[in-house]
Amino acid sequence: MDKPNISEMIIEYEKNKNMNDTQFAFESHLSVERVHNLKSGGYDATPDEEKVILEYIKLHS
């Protein structure tokens, strides 16, 4: 099974919930800078960040 694309998941979630990066970062307990970096695709999520993001999206979808 393919690894989920975190940047696409964040973008789609924010779009569906009408959120911005600041709101997503605050609610998921990540820094805004880290959310920007992950969405740009230039950086990979750490295993801990990936777990937090996936759990947050699953819990709030």
N, C-alpha and C. Protein backbone atom coordinates (compact mmCIF):
# COMPACT_ATOMS: atom_id res chain seq x y z
N MET A 1 0.84 -1.18 0.00
CA MET A 1 0.00 0.00 0.00
C MET A 1 0.89 1.24 0.00
N ASP A 2 0.52 2.24 -0.77
CA ASP A 2 1.31 3.46 -0.85
C ASP A 2 1.21 4.26 0.44
N LYS A 3 2.32 4.91 0.75
CA LYS A 3 2.37 5.80 1.90
C LYS A 3 1.52 7.03 1.60
N PRO A 4 0.71 7.47 2.57
CA PRO A 4 -0.12 8.66 2.31
C PRO A 4 0.73 9.89 2.04
N ASN A 5 0.29 10.73 1.12
CA ASN A 5 0.98 11.96 0.82
C ASN A 5 0.47 13.02 1.80
N ILE A 6 1.29 13.31 2.80
CA ILE A 6 0.89 14.20 3.89
C ILE A 6 0.54 15.58 3.38
N SER A 7 1.34 16.12 2.47
CA SER A 7 1.07 17.48 1.98
C SER A 7 -0.30 17.55 1.31
N GLU A 8 -0.62 16.56 0.48
CA GLU A 8 -1.93 16.55 -0.18
C GLU A 8 -3.06 16.37 0.82
N MET A 9 -2.82 15.56 1.83
CA MET A 9 -3.85 15.35 2.86
C MET A 9 -4.13 16.64 3.62
N ILE A 10 -3.09 17.37 3.97
CA ILE A 10 -3.27 18.64 4.69
C ILE A 10 -4.02 19.63 3.81
N ILE A 11 -3.60 19.75 2.57
CA ILE A 11 -4.24 20.70 1.65
C ILE A 11 -5.72 20.36 1.48
N GLU A 12 -6.02 19.11 1.25
CA GLU A 12 -7.42 18.68 1.05
C GLU A 12 -8.24 18.90 2.31
N TYR A 13 -7.67 18.58 3.47
CA TYR A 13 -8.38 18.76 4.73
C TYR A 13 -8.69 20.24 4.96
N GLU A 14 -7.69 21.09 4.78
CA GLU A 14 -7.89 22.53 4.97
C GLU A 14 -8.95 23.07 4.00
N LYS A 15 -8.91 22.59 2.79
CA LYS A 15 -9.89 23.02 1.79
C LYS A 15 -11.30 22.60 2.21
N ASN A 16 -11.46 21.36 2.62
CA ASN A 16 -12.77 20.84 3.02
C ASN A 16 -13.32 21.52 4.27
N LYS A 17 -12.44 21.89 5.18
CA LYS A 17 -12.86 22.50 6.44
C LYS A 17 -12.77 24.02 6.42
N ASN A 18 -12.38 24.58 5.27
CA ASN A 18 -12.23 26.03 5.13
C ASN A 18 -11.30 26.59 6.21
N MET A 19 -10.13 25.96 6.33
CA MET A 19 -9.13 26.34 7.34
C MET A 19 -7.92 26.93 6.65
N ASN A 20 -7.14 27.68 7.43
CA ASN A 20 -5.84 28.12 6.93
C ASN A 20 -4.75 27.37 7.70
N ASP A 21 -3.51 27.60 7.31
CA ASP A 21 -2.39 26.89 7.94
C ASP A 21 -2.29 27.17 9.43
N THR A 22 -2.57 28.39 9.83
CA THR A 22 -2.48 28.75 11.24
C THR A 22 -3.48 27.95 12.07
N GLN A 23 -4.70 27.84 11.58
CA GLN A 23 -5.72 27.07 12.30
C GLN A 23 -5.34 25.60 12.37
N PHE A 24 -4.89 25.05 11.24
CA PHE A 24 -4.49 23.64 11.22
C PHE A 24 -3.33 23.39 12.18
N ALA A 25 -2.35 24.27 12.14
CA ALA A 25 -1.18 24.12 13.02
C ALA A 25 -1.58 24.17 14.48
N PHE A 26 -2.41 25.15 14.84
CA PHE A 26 -2.84 25.29 16.23
C PHE A 26 -3.58 24.05 16.71
N GLU A 27 -4.52 23.60 15.91
CA GLU A 27 -5.35 22.47 16.33
C GLU A 27 -4.61 21.14 16.30
N SER A 28 -3.62 21.00 15.44
CA SER A 28 -2.87 19.74 15.36
C SER A 28 -1.60 19.77 16.21
N HIS A 29 -1.32 20.92 16.84
CA HIS A 29 -0.15 21.10 17.72
C HIS A 29 1.18 21.01 16.98
N LEU A 30 1.17 21.51 15.74
CA LEU A 30 2.40 21.64 14.97
C LEU A 30 2.68 23.13 14.80
N SER A 31 3.90 23.47 14.43
CA SER A 31 4.20 24.87 14.17
C SER A 31 3.69 25.25 12.78
N VAL A 32 3.34 26.51 12.61
CA VAL A 32 2.88 27.00 11.31
C VAL A 32 3.99 26.81 10.28
N GLU A 33 5.22 27.07 10.67
CA GLU A 33 6.34 26.92 9.75
C GLU A 33 6.45 25.47 9.27
N ARG A 34 6.24 24.55 10.18
CA ARG A 34 6.34 23.12 9.81
C ARG A 34 5.20 22.74 8.85
N VAL A 35 4.01 23.25 9.09
CA VAL A 35 2.89 22.97 8.18
C VAL A 35 3.21 23.52 6.80
N HIS A 36 3.73 24.75 6.73
CA HIS A 36 4.12 25.33 5.44
C HIS A 36 5.16 24.44 4.74
N ASN A 37 6.16 24.01 5.49
CA ASN A 37 7.22 23.17 4.92
C ASN A 37 6.68 21.84 4.40
N LEU A 38 5.79 21.24 5.15
CA LEU A 38 5.21 19.96 4.73
C LEU A 38 4.35 20.14 3.49
N LYS A 39 3.56 21.21 3.45
CA LYS A 39 2.69 21.45 2.30
C LYS A 39 3.49 21.78 1.04
N SER A 40 4.65 22.38 1.19
CA SER A 40 5.46 22.72 0.02
C SER A 40 6.03 21.47 -0.64
N GLY A 41 6.06 20.38 0.12
CA GLY A 41 6.60 19.13 -0.42
C GLY A 41 8.10 19.05 -0.38
N GLY A 42 8.74 20.09 0.11
CA GLY A 42 10.19 20.11 0.18
C GLY A 42 10.75 19.35 1.37
N TYR A 43 9.89 19.03 2.31
CA TYR A 43 10.32 18.34 3.52
C TYR A 43 9.40 17.17 3.78
N ASP A 44 9.96 16.11 4.31
CA ASP A 44 9.15 14.95 4.68
C ASP A 44 8.77 15.05 6.15
N ALA A 45 7.60 14.56 6.45
CA ALA A 45 7.15 14.52 7.83
C ALA A 45 7.95 13.47 8.59
N THR A 46 8.27 13.77 9.83
CA THR A 46 8.89 12.77 10.68
C THR A 46 7.81 11.73 11.00
N PRO A 47 8.21 10.55 11.46
CA PRO A 47 7.19 9.56 11.82
C PRO A 47 6.20 10.09 12.87
N ASP A 48 6.71 10.86 13.84
CA ASP A 48 5.82 11.44 14.86
C ASP A 48 4.85 12.46 14.25
N GLU A 49 5.36 13.31 13.37
CA GLU A 49 4.49 14.31 12.72
C GLU A 49 3.44 13.62 11.87
N GLU A 50 3.86 12.60 11.15
CA GLU A 50 2.92 11.87 10.30
C GLU A 50 1.81 11.25 11.15
N LYS A 51 2.18 10.67 12.27
CA LYS A 51 1.20 10.06 13.17
C LYS A 51 0.22 11.10 13.69
N VAL A 52 0.74 12.25 14.12
CA VAL A 52 -0.10 13.32 14.65
C VAL A 52 -1.08 13.82 13.58
N ILE A 53 -0.57 14.05 12.39
CA ILE A 53 -1.40 14.58 11.30
C ILE A 53 -2.48 13.58 10.92
N LEU A 54 -2.10 12.32 10.72
CA LEU A 54 -3.07 11.30 10.33
C LEU A 54 -4.14 11.11 11.41
N GLU A 55 -3.74 11.09 12.67
CA GLU A 55 -4.71 10.94 13.76
C GLU A 55 -5.64 12.16 13.85
N TYR A 56 -5.07 13.35 13.69
CA TYR A 56 -5.88 14.57 13.75
C TYR A 56 -6.92 14.58 12.63
N ILE A 57 -6.48 14.31 11.41
CA ILE A 57 -7.41 14.31 10.27
C ILE A 57 -8.48 13.24 10.43
N LYS A 58 -8.07 12.06 10.87
CA LYS A 58 -9.04 10.97 11.07
C LYS A 58 -10.06 11.34 12.15
N LEU A 59 -9.60 11.93 13.22
CA LEU A 59 -10.48 12.27 14.34
C LEU A 59 -11.46 13.39 13.98
N HIS A 60 -11.04 14.32 13.11
CA HIS A 60 -11.87 15.49 12.82
C HIS A 60 -12.54 15.47 11.46
N SER A 61 -12.46 14.35 10.76
CA SER A 61 -13.11 14.26 9.44
C SER A 61 -14.54 13.80 9.57
